[in-house]
Amino acid sequence: MQFIRVFIFAVFMACNLNAVAADKDLGINARLFTTNMPYNEKQFSLLSSMNVQSVRWDAPWKEVETQKGKLVVPRSWDNVVGRLNSMGIGNHIILDYGNKFYDNGDKPLSEDAIAGYLRYVEVMATHFKGKVKYYQIWNEWNGKVGNTTPGYAKDYYVLLKRAYPIIKSIDPDAVVIGGGFSTNGYDSILGIRFNPKNQPTQFEELLKTDAYKYMDMLSLHPYVSYRTGEWWGIHGFKRLVDLLVSKVKATDGFNQLPLAATEVGWSTALSPNGITQDQQKEFLSDAISYMFDKYKFKYVVVFGLLDGNDGLLDTESNFGIYKNDLVTPKNAADIFKK
């Protein structure tokens, strides 16, 4: 079976048939991996009323391999995938985050941990063959999400190179998304080098590799919420996108990949980094149009559907276009009206 998969992948690569989304795809991030079904039902209700083509959600490795060596996809995820597909909405699954059985739950760097991650990838691709539109290899590898240590592009490249052929040999029609670094990974492109612990060169480091061979779409996360001065707001966002696209287009191999922004958003927190609901709606609408129309992005995903639970003063908890009561829309929800 493994030989057949490798053979299929070799033919696939030889023909250079990287899968791409045919049309513009507008998506939203949602927290759907939870087993809290009433919570998910309320999210499905919101999504059914929205003009959204895809939903991006985490499918954490630790939820699949709860006992070392025994991988079982949660039944609740079958419900999520089926419900979204029944509404004509594509599934975008993020294959991410650590597992306590490998490398102390941190990013998979050892051979044992990488092999464990690849088994998880194979199980997910096999289980959902033909049902998932997008698979994204990790989320913001250069950051701390998932309570992991900020990682380096060279290690992310290893994961991409080994995970991509597994997914494509199982489900050639799936679109594999790479990149998706957190915004400080772009700092060197902006001329910002003062905080090396944030690893500001990682996006440029990835562009020095042939990682473009192991993804069907390149993702950017062009946040400016934590930036100031010329990089703030919608004008700062456009400048950042201009620089990132220019860098990608000047890089052989990567310049042939379709572009995605798998996280775009602004927080309405009552904090120095927050903006008003009117500004959130204006900035998001303008940003989406800018990427689709000027640069022909194939896929743009707003972060996110709902606010978090850490209060109005917390920046990270207030990127949603709905409040965390799962009922009250913010002004930006109008962007998704049918």
C-alpha atoms as a PDB file:
ATOM      1  CA  MET A   1       0.000   0.000   0.000  1.00  0.00           C
ATOM      2  CA  GLN A   2       2.803   2.411   0.902  1.00  0.00           C
ATOM      3  CA  PHE A   3       4.561   1.650  -2.413  1.00  0.00           C
ATOM      4  CA  ILE A   4       1.390   2.451  -4.328  1.00  0.00           C
ATOM      5  CA  ARG A   5       1.011   5.743  -2.484  1.00  0.00           C
ATOM      6  CA  VAL A   6       4.584   6.764  -3.185  1.00  0.00           C
ATOM      7  CA  PHE A   7       4.201   5.810  -6.861  1.00  0.00           C
ATOM      8  CA  ILE A   8       1.034   7.868  -7.191  1.00  0.00           C
ATOM      9  CA  PHE A   9       2.750  10.800  -5.543  1.00  0.00           C
ATOM     10  CA  ALA A  10       5.749  10.535  -7.878  1.00  0.00           C
ATOM     11  CA  VAL A  11       3.486  10.645 -10.931  1.00  0.00           C
ATOM     12  CA  PHE A  12       1.591  13.534  -9.393  1.00  0.00           C
ATOM     13  CA  MET A  13       4.779  15.546  -8.841  1.00  0.00           C
ATOM     14  CA  ALA A  14       6.128  14.742 -12.292  1.00  0.00           C
ATOM     15  CA  CYS A  15       3.017  16.139 -13.885  1.00  0.00           C
ATOM     16  CA  ASN A  16       3.267  19.264 -11.694  1.00  0.00           C
ATOM     17  CA  LEU A  17      -0.435  19.100 -10.917  1.00  0.00           C
ATOM     18  CA  ASN A  18      -0.506  21.147  -7.727  1.00  0.00           C
ATOM     19  CA  ALA A  19      -4.160  21.506  -6.704  1.00  0.00           C
ATOM     20  CA  VAL A  20      -5.594  25.016  -6.585  1.00  0.00           C
ATOM     21  CA  ALA A  21      -8.905  26.510  -5.651  1.00  0.00           C
ATOM     22  CA  ALA A  22     -10.682  27.501  -8.838  1.00  0.00           C
ATOM     23  CA  ASP A  23     -12.392  30.640  -7.541  1.00  0.00           C
ATOM     24  CA  LYS A  24     -12.199  33.167  -4.741  1.00  0.00           C
ATOM     25  CA  ASP A  25     -12.828  31.487  -1.442  1.00  0.00           C
ATOM     26  CA  LEU A  26     -13.891  33.486   1.619  1.00  0.00           C
ATOM     27  CA  GLY A  27     -13.584  31.650   4.903  1.00  0.00           C
ATOM     28  CA  ILE A  28     -13.929  32.091   8.643  1.00  0.00           C
ATOM     29  CA  ASN A  29     -12.053  30.584  11.571  1.00  0.00           C
ATOM     30  CA  ALA A  30     -14.213  28.737  14.105  1.00  0.00           C
ATOM     31  CA  ARG A  31     -13.626  26.657  17.217  1.00  0.00           C
ATOM     32  CA  LEU A  32     -15.293  23.410  16.174  1.00  0.00           C
ATOM     33  CA  PHE A  33     -13.008  20.670  17.490  1.00  0.00           C
ATOM     34  CA  THR A  34     -14.727  20.787  20.875  1.00  0.00           C
ATOM     35  CA  THR A  35     -17.001  17.911  21.928  1.00  0.00           C
ATOM     36  CA  ASN A  36     -19.492  20.446  23.344  1.00  0.00           C
ATOM     37  CA  MET A  37     -22.232  19.723  20.846  1.00  0.00           C
ATOM     38  CA  PRO A  38     -24.702  22.441  21.977  1.00  0.00           C
ATOM     39  CA  TYR A  39     -21.872  24.969  21.506  1.00  0.00           C
ATOM     40  CA  ASN A  40     -21.161  23.609  18.043  1.00  0.00           C
ATOM     41  CA  GLU A  41     -24.845  23.611  17.121  1.00  0.00           C
ATOM     42  CA  LYS A  42     -24.997  27.340  17.822  1.00  0.00           C
ATOM     43  CA  GLN A  43     -21.955  27.866  15.618  1.00  0.00           C
ATOM     44  CA  PHE A  44     -23.548  25.810  12.833  1.00  0.00           C
ATOM     45  CA  SER A  45     -26.645  27.993  13.127  1.00  0.00           C
ATOM     46  CA  LEU A  46     -24.567  31.137  12.654  1.00  0.00           C
ATOM     47  CA  LEU A  47     -22.605  29.634   9.768  1.00  0.00           C
ATOM     48  CA  SER A  48     -25.746  28.492   7.951  1.00  0.00           C
ATOM     49  CA  SER A  49     -26.863  32.123   7.734  1.00  0.00           C
ATOM     50  CA  MET A  50     -23.533  33.357   6.386  1.00  0.00           C
ATOM     51  CA  ASN A  51     -22.094  33.673   2.909  1.00  0.00           C
ATOM     52  CA  VAL A  52     -18.975  31.660   3.645  1.00  0.00           C
ATOM     53  CA  GLN A  53     -17.265  29.123   1.408  1.00  0.00           C
ATOM     54  CA  SER A  54     -14.972  27.438   3.953  1.00  0.00           C
ATOM     55  CA  VAL A  55     -14.460  27.119   7.689  1.00  0.00           C
ATOM     56  CA  ARG A  56     -10.977  26.763   9.148  1.00  0.00           C
ATOM     57  CA  TRP A  57     -10.706  24.805  12.384  1.00  0.00           C
ATOM     58  CA  ASP A  58      -8.095  23.061  14.496  1.00  0.00           C
ATOM     59  CA  ALA A  59      -7.962  19.271  14.672  1.00  0.00           C
ATOM     60  CA  PRO A  60      -5.337  18.861  17.425  1.00  0.00           C
ATOM     61  CA  TRP A  61      -3.044  15.864  17.303  1.00  0.00           C
ATOM     62  CA  LYS A  62      -3.472  15.352  21.052  1.00  0.00           C
ATOM     63  CA  GLU A  63      -7.204  14.728  20.546  1.00  0.00           C
ATOM     64  CA  VAL A  64      -6.494  11.917  18.058  1.00  0.00           C
ATOM     65  CA  GLU A  65      -3.681  10.160  19.898  1.00  0.00           C
ATOM     66  CA  THR A  66      -4.843  10.157  23.514  1.00  0.00           C
ATOM     67  CA  GLN A  67      -2.989   6.902  24.137  1.00  0.00           C
ATOM     68  CA  LYS A  68       0.451   6.515  22.634  1.00  0.00           C
ATOM     69  CA  GLY A  69       0.275   4.488  19.450  1.00  0.00           C
ATOM     70  CA  LYS A  70      -3.533   4.415  19.358  1.00  0.00           C
ATOM     71  CA  LEU A  71      -5.010   6.977  16.988  1.00  0.00           C
ATOM     72  CA  VAL A  72      -8.762   7.495  16.890  1.00  0.00           C
ATOM     73  CA  VAL A  73     -10.497  10.418  15.194  1.00  0.00           C
ATOM     74  CA  PRO A  74     -13.155  11.861  17.545  1.00  0.00           C
ATOM     75  CA  ARG A  75     -16.696  11.108  16.395  1.00  0.00           C
ATOM     76  CA  SER A  76     -17.639  14.727  16.959  1.00  0.00           C
ATOM     77  CA  TRP A  77     -15.280  15.689  14.141  1.00  0.00           C
ATOM     78  CA  ASP A  78     -17.213  13.467  11.732  1.00  0.00           C
ATOM     79  CA  ASN A  79     -20.267  15.477  12.682  1.00  0.00           C
ATOM     80  CA  VAL A  80     -18.456  18.763  12.044  1.00  0.00           C
ATOM     81  CA  VAL A  81     -17.143  17.695   8.642  1.00  0.00           C
ATOM     82  CA  GLY A  82     -20.503  16.278   7.602  1.00  0.00           C
ATOM     83  CA  ARG A  83     -22.528  19.243   8.802  1.00  0.00           C
ATOM     84  CA  LEU A  84     -20.351  21.796   7.039  1.00  0.00           C
ATOM     85  CA  ASN A  85     -20.336  19.805   3.812  1.00  0.00           C
ATOM     86  CA  SER A  86     -24.117  19.436   3.978  1.00  0.00           C
ATOM     87  CA  MET A  87     -24.352  23.242   4.087  1.00  0.00           C
ATOM     88  CA  GLY A  88     -22.112  23.529   1.045  1.00  0.00           C
ATOM     89  CA  ILE A  89     -19.228  24.780   3.168  1.00  0.00           C
ATOM     90  CA  GLY A  90     -15.722  23.404   2.723  1.00  0.00           C
ATOM     91  CA  ASN A  91     -13.698  22.066   5.635  1.00  0.00           C
ATOM     92  CA  HIS A  92     -10.267  23.531   6.291  1.00  0.00           C
ATOM     93  CA  ILE A  93      -8.508  21.419   8.910  1.00  0.00           C
ATOM     94  CA  ILE A  94      -5.324  22.556  10.649  1.00  0.00           C
ATOM     95  CA  LEU A  95      -3.042  19.630  11.490  1.00  0.00           C
ATOM     96  CA  ASP A  96      -1.380  21.102  14.495  1.00  0.00           C
ATOM     97  CA  TYR A  97       0.133  21.343  17.931  1.00  0.00           C
ATOM     98  CA  GLY A  98       2.019  19.016  20.140  1.00  0.00           C
ATOM     99  CA  ASN A  99       1.253  15.714  21.799  1.00  0.00           C
ATOM    100  CA  LYS A 100       2.406  14.942  25.344  1.00  0.00           C
ATOM    101  CA  PHE A 101       3.809  11.573  24.246  1.00  0.00           C
ATOM    102  CA  TYR A 102       6.369  13.217  21.959  1.00  0.00           C
ATOM    103  CA  ASP A 103       9.027  15.848  22.695  1.00  0.00           C
ATOM    104  CA  ASN A 104       7.218  16.805  25.906  1.00  0.00           C
ATOM    105  CA  GLY A 105       4.252  18.132  23.962  1.00  0.00           C
ATOM    106  CA  ASP A 106       6.355  20.656  22.058  1.00  0.00           C
ATOM    107  CA  LYS A 107       6.781  20.941  18.312  1.00  0.00           C
ATOM    108  CA  PRO A 108       7.834  17.607  16.767  1.00  0.00           C
ATOM    109  CA  LEU A 109      11.585  17.854  16.179  1.00  0.00           C
ATOM    110  CA  SER A 110      12.937  14.421  17.121  1.00  0.00           C
ATOM    111  CA  GLU A 111      12.586  11.561  14.666  1.00  0.00           C
ATOM    112  CA  ASP A 112      10.194   9.799  17.028  1.00  0.00           C
ATOM    113  CA  ALA A 113       7.977  12.874  17.283  1.00  0.00           C
ATOM    114  CA  ILE A 114       8.033  13.556  13.550  1.00  0.00           C
ATOM    115  CA  ALA A 115       7.080   9.926  12.875  1.00  0.00           C
ATOM    116  CA  GLY A 116       4.233  10.273  15.374  1.00  0.00           C
ATOM    117  CA  TYR A 117       2.997  13.434  13.720  1.00  0.00           C
ATOM    118  CA  LEU A 118       3.109  11.773  10.299  1.00  0.00           C
ATOM    119  CA  ARG A 119       1.026   8.846  11.549  1.00  0.00           C
ATOM    120  CA  TYR A 120      -1.542  11.382  12.768  1.00  0.00           C
ATOM    121  CA  VAL A 121      -1.492  13.108   9.369  1.00  0.00           C
ATOM    122  CA  GLU A 122      -2.011   9.772   7.599  1.00  0.00           C
ATOM    123  CA  VAL A 123      -4.913   8.824   9.858  1.00  0.00           C
ATOM    124  CA  MET A 124      -6.602  12.191   9.336  1.00  0.00           C
ATOM    125  CA  ALA A 125      -6.182  12.166   5.543  1.00  0.00           C
ATOM    126  CA  THR A 126      -7.423   8.585   5.315  1.00  0.00           C
ATOM    127  CA  HIS A 127     -10.383   9.122   7.616  1.00  0.00           C
ATOM    128  CA  PHE A 128     -11.585  12.248   5.820  1.00  0.00           C
ATOM    129  CA  LYS A 129     -10.595  11.363   2.255  1.00  0.00           C
ATOM    130  CA  GLY A 130     -12.799  13.270  -0.183  1.00  0.00           C
ATOM    131  CA  LYS A 131     -14.490  15.229   2.613  1.00  0.00           C
ATOM    132  CA  VAL A 132     -11.916  17.898   3.502  1.00  0.00           C
ATOM    133  CA  LYS A 133     -11.070  20.695   1.092  1.00  0.00           C
ATOM    134  CA  TYR A 134      -7.941  22.083   2.774  1.00  0.00           C
ATOM    135  CA  TYR A 135      -5.303  20.665   5.093  1.00  0.00           C
ATOM    136  CA  GLN A 136      -2.921  23.140   6.682  1.00  0.00           C
ATOM    137  CA  ILE A 137       0.401  21.894   8.033  1.00  0.00           C
ATOM    138  CA  TRP A 138       0.601  23.463  11.488  1.00  0.00           C
ATOM    139  CA  ASN A 139      -0.347  27.002  12.458  1.00  0.00           C
ATOM    140  CA  GLU A 140       2.191  29.756  13.111  1.00  0.00           C
ATOM    141  CA  TRP A 141       5.183  27.464  13.523  1.00  0.00           C
ATOM    142  CA  ASN A 142       7.405  30.417  14.444  1.00  0.00           C
ATOM    143  CA  GLY A 143       5.127  31.358  17.352  1.00  0.00           C
ATOM    144  CA  LYS A 144       4.051  29.937  20.694  1.00  0.00           C
ATOM    145  CA  VAL A 145       0.536  28.767  19.834  1.00  0.00           C
ATOM    146  CA  GLY A 146      -0.432  25.449  21.347  1.00  0.00           C
ATOM    147  CA  ASN A 147       1.893  26.191  24.265  1.00  0.00           C
ATOM    148  CA  THR A 148       4.898  25.295  22.135  1.00  0.00           C
ATOM    149  CA  THR A 149       8.341  26.841  21.722  1.00  0.00           C
ATOM    150  CA  PRO A 150       8.778  29.200  18.731  1.00  0.00           C
ATOM    151  CA  GLY A 151      10.132  27.131  15.872  1.00  0.00           C
ATOM    152  CA  TYR A 152      12.544  27.604  12.984  1.00  0.00           C
ATOM    153  CA  ALA A 153      11.762  27.479   9.281  1.00  0.00           C
ATOM    154  CA  LYS A 154      14.323  24.721   8.691  1.00  0.00           C
ATOM    155  CA  ASP A 155      12.361  22.397  10.987  1.00  0.00           C
ATOM    156  CA  TYR A 156       9.005  23.399   9.520  1.00  0.00           C
ATOM    157  CA  TYR A 157      10.420  22.573   6.095  1.00  0.00           C
ATOM    158  CA  VAL A 158      11.193  19.022   7.264  1.00  0.00           C
ATOM    159  CA  LEU A 159       7.614  18.573   8.442  1.00  0.00           C
ATOM    160  CA  LEU A 160       6.170  19.924   5.188  1.00  0.00           C
ATOM    161  CA  LYS A 161       8.417  17.781   3.036  1.00  0.00           C
ATOM    162  CA  ARG A 162       7.378  14.614   4.823  1.00  0.00           C
ATOM    163  CA  ALA A 163       3.690  15.343   5.428  1.00  0.00           C
ATOM    164  CA  TYR A 164       2.793  16.625   1.958  1.00  0.00           C
ATOM    165  CA  PRO A 165       3.315  13.376  -0.003  1.00  0.00           C
ATOM    166  CA  ILE A 166       1.349  11.426   2.589  1.00  0.00           C
ATOM    167  CA  ILE A 167      -1.725  13.621   2.190  1.00  0.00           C
ATOM    168  CA  LYS A 168      -1.483  13.861  -1.599  1.00  0.00           C
ATOM    169  CA  SER A 169      -1.005  10.132  -2.095  1.00  0.00           C
ATOM    170  CA  ILE A 170      -4.131   9.448  -0.044  1.00  0.00           C
ATOM    171  CA  ASP A 171      -6.285  12.314  -1.341  1.00  0.00           C
ATOM    172  CA  PRO A 172      -4.850  13.962  -4.487  1.00  0.00           C
ATOM    173  CA  ASP A 173      -7.735  16.439  -4.620  1.00  0.00           C
ATOM    174  CA  ALA A 174      -7.002  17.893  -1.188  1.00  0.00           C
ATOM    175  CA  VAL A 175      -5.271  21.279  -1.130  1.00  0.00           C
ATOM    176  CA  VAL A 176      -2.304  21.368   1.241  1.00  0.00           C
ATOM    177  CA  ILE A 177      -1.520  24.783   2.680  1.00  0.00           C
ATOM    178  CA  GLY A 178       1.913  25.754   3.974  1.00  0.00           C
ATOM    179  CA  GLY A 179       3.330  28.831   5.629  1.00  0.00           C
ATOM    180  CA  GLY A 180       0.916  30.630   7.920  1.00  0.00           C
ATOM    181  CA  PHE A 181       3.670  32.102  10.100  1.00  0.00           C
ATOM    182  CA  SER A 182       2.743  34.589  12.817  1.00  0.00           C
ATOM    183  CA  THR A 183       3.289  38.223  11.925  1.00  0.00           C
ATOM    184  CA  ASN A 184       6.622  38.634  13.736  1.00  0.00           C
ATOM    185  CA  GLY A 185       8.047  36.158  11.242  1.00  0.00           C
ATOM    186  CA  TYR A 186       7.818  38.963   8.680  1.00  0.00           C
ATOM    187  CA  ASP A 187       9.681  41.565  10.755  1.00  0.00           C
ATOM    188  CA  SER A 188      12.913  41.324   8.793  1.00  0.00           C
ATOM    189  CA  ILE A 189      11.042  42.142   5.580  1.00  0.00           C
ATOM    190  CA  LEU A 190       9.804  45.292   7.318  1.00  0.00           C
ATOM    191  CA  GLY A 191      13.335  46.124   8.444  1.00  0.00           C
ATOM    192  CA  ILE A 192      12.585  45.220  12.067  1.00  0.00           C
ATOM    193  CA  ARG A 193      15.328  43.162  13.696  1.00  0.00           C
ATOM    194  CA  PHE A 194      15.365  44.319  17.306  1.00  0.00           C
ATOM    195  CA  ASN A 195      13.734  41.262  18.889  1.00  0.00           C
ATOM    196  CA  PRO A 196      15.603  38.117  17.812  1.00  0.00           C
ATOM    197  CA  LYS A 197      13.764  35.922  20.343  1.00  0.00           C
ATOM    198  CA  ASN A 198      10.684  36.358  18.119  1.00  0.00           C
ATOM    199  CA  GLN A 199      12.706  34.904  15.232  1.00  0.00           C
ATOM    200  CA  PRO A 200      11.862  37.729  12.819  1.00  0.00           C
ATOM    201  CA  THR A 201      13.612  36.181   9.806  1.00  0.00           C
ATOM    202  CA  GLN A 202      11.692  32.917   9.631  1.00  0.00           C
ATOM    203  CA  PHE A 203       9.453  33.701   6.653  1.00  0.00           C
ATOM    204  CA  GLU A 204      12.481  34.752   4.622  1.00  0.00           C
ATOM    205  CA  GLU A 205      14.277  31.599   5.759  1.00  0.00           C
ATOM    206  CA  LEU A 206      11.402  29.486   4.441  1.00  0.00           C
ATOM    207  CA  LEU A 207      11.620  31.257   1.075  1.00  0.00           C
ATOM    208  CA  LYS A 208      15.249  30.139   0.797  1.00  0.00           C
ATOM    209  CA  THR A 209      14.148  26.490   0.672  1.00  0.00           C
ATOM    210  CA  ASP A 210      12.277  24.482  -1.960  1.00  0.00           C
ATOM    211  CA  ALA A 211       9.258  24.198   0.353  1.00  0.00           C
ATOM    212  CA  TYR A 212       7.089  25.366  -2.545  1.00  0.00           C
ATOM    213  CA  LYS A 213       7.301  21.792  -3.843  1.00  0.00           C
ATOM    214  CA  TYR A 214       5.508  20.560  -0.736  1.00  0.00           C
ATOM    215  CA  MET A 215       2.451  22.782  -0.621  1.00  0.00           C
ATOM    216  CA  ASP A 216      -0.374  23.657  -3.012  1.00  0.00           C
ATOM    217  CA  MET A 217      -0.990  27.099  -1.559  1.00  0.00           C
ATOM    218  CA  LEU A 218       1.145  29.553   0.433  1.00  0.00           C
ATOM    219  CA  SER A 219      -0.468  31.172   3.439  1.00  0.00           C
ATOM    220  CA  LEU A 220       0.240  34.577   4.976  1.00  0.00           C
ATOM    221  CA  HIS A 221      -0.982  35.956   8.322  1.00  0.00           C
ATOM    222  CA  PRO A 222      -0.673  39.713   7.762  1.00  0.00           C
ATOM    223  CA  TYR A 223      -1.764  41.005  11.171  1.00  0.00           C
ATOM    224  CA  VAL A 224      -1.031  44.606  12.129  1.00  0.00           C
ATOM    225  CA  SER A 225      -3.056  44.844  15.343  1.00  0.00           C
ATOM    226  CA  TYR A 226       0.075  44.901  17.496  1.00  0.00           C
ATOM    227  CA  ARG A 227       1.999  47.248  15.226  1.00  0.00           C
ATOM    228  CA  THR A 228       2.213  51.021  15.503  1.00  0.00           C
ATOM    229  CA  GLY A 229       2.878  54.076  13.354  1.00  0.00           C
ATOM    230  CA  GLU A 230       3.094  53.465   9.624  1.00  0.00           C
ATOM    231  CA  TRP A 231       2.282  49.778  10.086  1.00  0.00           C
ATOM    232  CA  TRP A 232      -0.989  50.307  11.948  1.00  0.00           C
ATOM    233  CA  GLY A 233      -4.564  50.026  10.630  1.00  0.00           C
ATOM    234  CA  ILE A 234      -5.676  49.361   7.089  1.00  0.00           C
ATOM    235  CA  HIS A 235      -2.881  51.458   5.580  1.00  0.00           C
ATOM    236  CA  GLY A 236      -0.264  49.499   7.506  1.00  0.00           C
ATOM    237  CA  PHE A 237      -1.983  46.272   6.477  1.00  0.00           C
ATOM    238  CA  LYS A 238      -1.807  47.169   2.792  1.00  0.00           C
ATOM    239  CA  ARG A 239       1.865  48.120   3.065  1.00  0.00           C
ATOM    240  CA  LEU A 240       2.607  44.815   4.764  1.00  0.00           C
ATOM    241  CA  VAL A 241       0.723  42.828   2.112  1.00  0.00           C
ATOM    242  CA  ASP A 242       2.505  44.794  -0.632  1.00  0.00           C
ATOM    243  CA  LEU A 243       5.903  43.883   0.809  1.00  0.00           C
ATOM    244  CA  LEU A 244       5.051  40.230   1.424  1.00  0.00           C
ATOM    245  CA  VAL A 245       3.578  39.661  -2.019  1.00  0.00           C
ATOM    246  CA  SER A 246       6.511  41.458  -3.628  1.00  0.00           C
ATOM    247  CA  LYS A 247       8.924  39.201  -1.751  1.00  0.00           C
ATOM    248  CA  VAL A 248       7.034  36.054  -2.738  1.00  0.00           C
ATOM    249  CA  LYS A 249       6.723  37.087  -6.368  1.00  0.00           C
ATOM    250  CA  ALA A 250      10.480  37.699  -6.508  1.00  0.00           C
ATOM    251  CA  THR A 251      11.241  34.183  -5.233  1.00  0.00           C
ATOM    252  CA  ASP A 252      11.473  31.375  -7.782  1.00  0.00           C
ATOM    253  CA  GLY A 253       9.106  28.490  -7.119  1.00  0.00           C
ATOM    254  CA  PHE A 254       7.067  30.333  -4.516  1.00  0.00           C
ATOM    255  CA  ASN A 255       6.008  32.850  -7.156  1.00  0.00           C
ATOM    256  CA  GLN A 256       4.040  30.082  -8.877  1.00  0.00           C
ATOM    257  CA  LEU A 257       1.960  29.214  -5.824  1.00  0.00           C
ATOM    258  CA  PRO A 258      -1.585  30.499  -5.275  1.00  0.00           C
ATOM    259  CA  LEU A 259      -1.747  32.817  -2.268  1.00  0.00           C
ATOM    260  CA  ALA A 260      -3.964  32.579   0.781  1.00  0.00           C
ATOM    261  CA  ALA A 261      -4.356  34.632   3.935  1.00  0.00           C
ATOM    262  CA  THR A 262      -5.575  32.042   6.413  1.00  0.00           C
ATOM    263  CA  GLU A 263      -5.861  34.577   9.225  1.00  0.00           C
ATOM    264  CA  VAL A 264      -6.888  38.204   8.820  1.00  0.00           C
ATOM    265  CA  GLY A 265      -8.452  40.237  11.583  1.00  0.00           C
ATOM    266  CA  TRP A 266      -8.670  43.153  13.974  1.00  0.00           C
ATOM    267  CA  SER A 267      -9.629  43.113  17.637  1.00  0.00           C
ATOM    268  CA  THR A 268     -12.393  45.265  19.128  1.00  0.00           C
ATOM    269  CA  ALA A 269     -10.940  44.913  22.634  1.00  0.00           C
ATOM    270  CA  LEU A 270     -11.058  47.887  24.963  1.00  0.00           C
ATOM    271  CA  SER A 271      -7.268  47.925  24.920  1.00  0.00           C
ATOM    272  CA  PRO A 272      -4.537  50.006  23.254  1.00  0.00           C
ATOM    273  CA  ASN A 273      -4.531  47.469  20.389  1.00  0.00           C
ATOM    274  CA  GLY A 274      -8.303  47.458  19.935  1.00  0.00           C
ATOM    275  CA  ILE A 275     -10.438  49.366  17.441  1.00  0.00           C
ATOM    276  CA  THR A 276     -14.139  50.170  17.168  1.00  0.00           C
ATOM    277  CA  GLN A 277     -16.714  47.866  15.581  1.00  0.00           C
ATOM    278  CA  ASP A 278     -17.090  50.323  12.716  1.00  0.00           C
ATOM    279  CA  GLN A 279     -13.345  50.264  12.110  1.00  0.00           C
ATOM    280  CA  GLN A 280     -13.262  46.463  12.293  1.00  0.00           C
ATOM    281  CA  LYS A 281     -15.924  46.222   9.613  1.00  0.00           C
ATOM    282  CA  GLU A 282     -14.245  48.862   7.429  1.00  0.00           C
ATOM    283  CA  PHE A 283     -10.748  47.381   7.757  1.00  0.00           C
ATOM    284  CA  LEU A 284     -11.852  43.791   7.150  1.00  0.00           C
ATOM    285  CA  SER A 285     -13.961  44.668   4.123  1.00  0.00           C
ATOM    286  CA  ASP A 286     -11.155  46.725   2.600  1.00  0.00           C
ATOM    287  CA  ALA A 287      -8.522  44.085   3.391  1.00  0.00           C
ATOM    288  CA  ILE A 288     -10.532  41.275   1.793  1.00  0.00           C
ATOM    289  CA  SER A 289     -11.127  43.294  -1.375  1.00  0.00           C
ATOM    290  CA  TYR A 290      -7.484  44.363  -1.512  1.00  0.00           C
ATOM    291  CA  MET A 291      -6.165  40.813  -1.437  1.00  0.00           C
ATOM    292  CA  PHE A 292      -8.746  39.340  -3.801  1.00  0.00           C
ATOM    293  CA  ASP A 293      -8.800  42.166  -6.325  1.00  0.00           C
ATOM    294  CA  LYS A 294      -5.279  43.583  -6.380  1.00  0.00           C
ATOM    295  CA  TYR A 295      -3.251  40.434  -5.766  1.00  0.00           C
ATOM    296  CA  LYS A 296      -5.687  37.696  -6.832  1.00  0.00           C
ATOM    297  CA  PHE A 297      -5.487  35.740  -3.599  1.00  0.00           C
ATOM    298  CA  LYS A 298      -7.382  32.478  -3.969  1.00  0.00           C
ATOM    299  CA  TYR A 299      -8.423  32.223  -0.354  1.00  0.00           C
ATOM    300  CA  VAL A 300      -8.938  34.668   2.516  1.00  0.00           C
ATOM    301  CA  VAL A 301      -9.978  33.619   6.028  1.00  0.00           C
ATOM    302  CA  VAL A 302     -11.255  36.041   8.642  1.00  0.00           C
ATOM    303  CA  PHE A 303     -10.224  35.431  12.234  1.00  0.00           C
ATOM    304  CA  GLY A 304     -12.650  34.642  13.614  1.00  0.00           C
ATOM    305  CA  LEU A 305     -16.282  33.734  14.095  1.00  0.00           C
ATOM    306  CA  LEU A 306     -16.520  34.298  17.864  1.00  0.00           C
ATOM    307  CA  ASP A 307     -14.878  36.294  20.612  1.00  0.00           C
ATOM    308  CA  GLY A 308     -13.115  34.387  23.357  1.00  0.00           C
ATOM    309  CA  ASN A 309     -13.909  34.283  27.040  1.00  0.00           C
ATOM    310  CA  ASP A 310     -11.166  36.431  28.567  1.00  0.00           C
ATOM    311  CA  GLY A 311     -13.040  39.705  28.731  1.00  0.00           C
ATOM    312  CA  LEU A 312     -13.362  42.957  26.808  1.00  0.00           C
ATOM    313  CA  LEU A 313      -9.910  44.180  27.838  1.00  0.00           C
ATOM    314  CA  ASP A 314      -8.060  41.222  26.316  1.00  0.00           C
ATOM    315  CA  THR A 315      -6.917  41.854  22.733  1.00  0.00           C
ATOM    316  CA  GLU A 316      -6.715  38.182  21.724  1.00  0.00           C
ATOM    317  CA  SER A 317     -10.264  37.463  22.888  1.00  0.00           C
ATOM    318  CA  ASN A 318     -11.975  40.075  20.751  1.00  0.00           C
ATOM    319  CA  PHE A 319     -11.163  39.311  17.118  1.00  0.00           C
ATOM    320  CA  GLY A 320     -14.566  37.700  16.531  1.00  0.00           C
ATOM    321  CA  ILE A 321     -17.312  39.073  14.314  1.00  0.00           C
ATOM    322  CA  TYR A 322     -19.805  37.740  16.859  1.00  0.00           C
ATOM    323  CA  LYS A 323     -19.629  38.123  20.607  1.00  0.00           C
ATOM    324  CA  ASN A 324     -19.008  35.055  22.730  1.00  0.00           C
ATOM    325  CA  ASP A 325     -22.700  34.698  23.570  1.00  0.00           C
ATOM    326  CA  LEU A 326     -23.005  33.124  20.085  1.00  0.00           C
ATOM    327  CA  VAL A 327     -25.919  35.442  19.355  1.00  0.00           C
ATOM    328  CA  THR A 328     -24.842  39.068  19.162  1.00  0.00           C
ATOM    329  CA  PRO A 329     -23.246  40.155  15.885  1.00  0.00           C
ATOM    330  CA  LYS A 330     -20.687  42.893  15.601  1.00  0.00           C
ATOM    331  CA  ASN A 331     -20.879  45.260  12.651  1.00  0.00           C
ATOM    332  CA  ALA A 332     -18.327  43.174  10.719  1.00  0.00           C
ATOM    333  CA  ALA A 333     -20.807  40.284  10.539  1.00  0.00           C
ATOM    334  CA  ASP A 334     -22.458  42.250   7.726  1.00  0.00           C
ATOM    335  CA  ILE A 335     -19.517  41.237   5.491  1.00  0.00           C
ATOM    336  CA  PHE A 336     -20.821  37.672   5.490  1.00  0.00           C
ATOM    337  CA  LYS A 337     -24.502  38.373   4.997  1.00  0.00           C
ATOM    338  CA  LYS A 338     -26.142  36.263   2.312  1.00  0.00           C
END
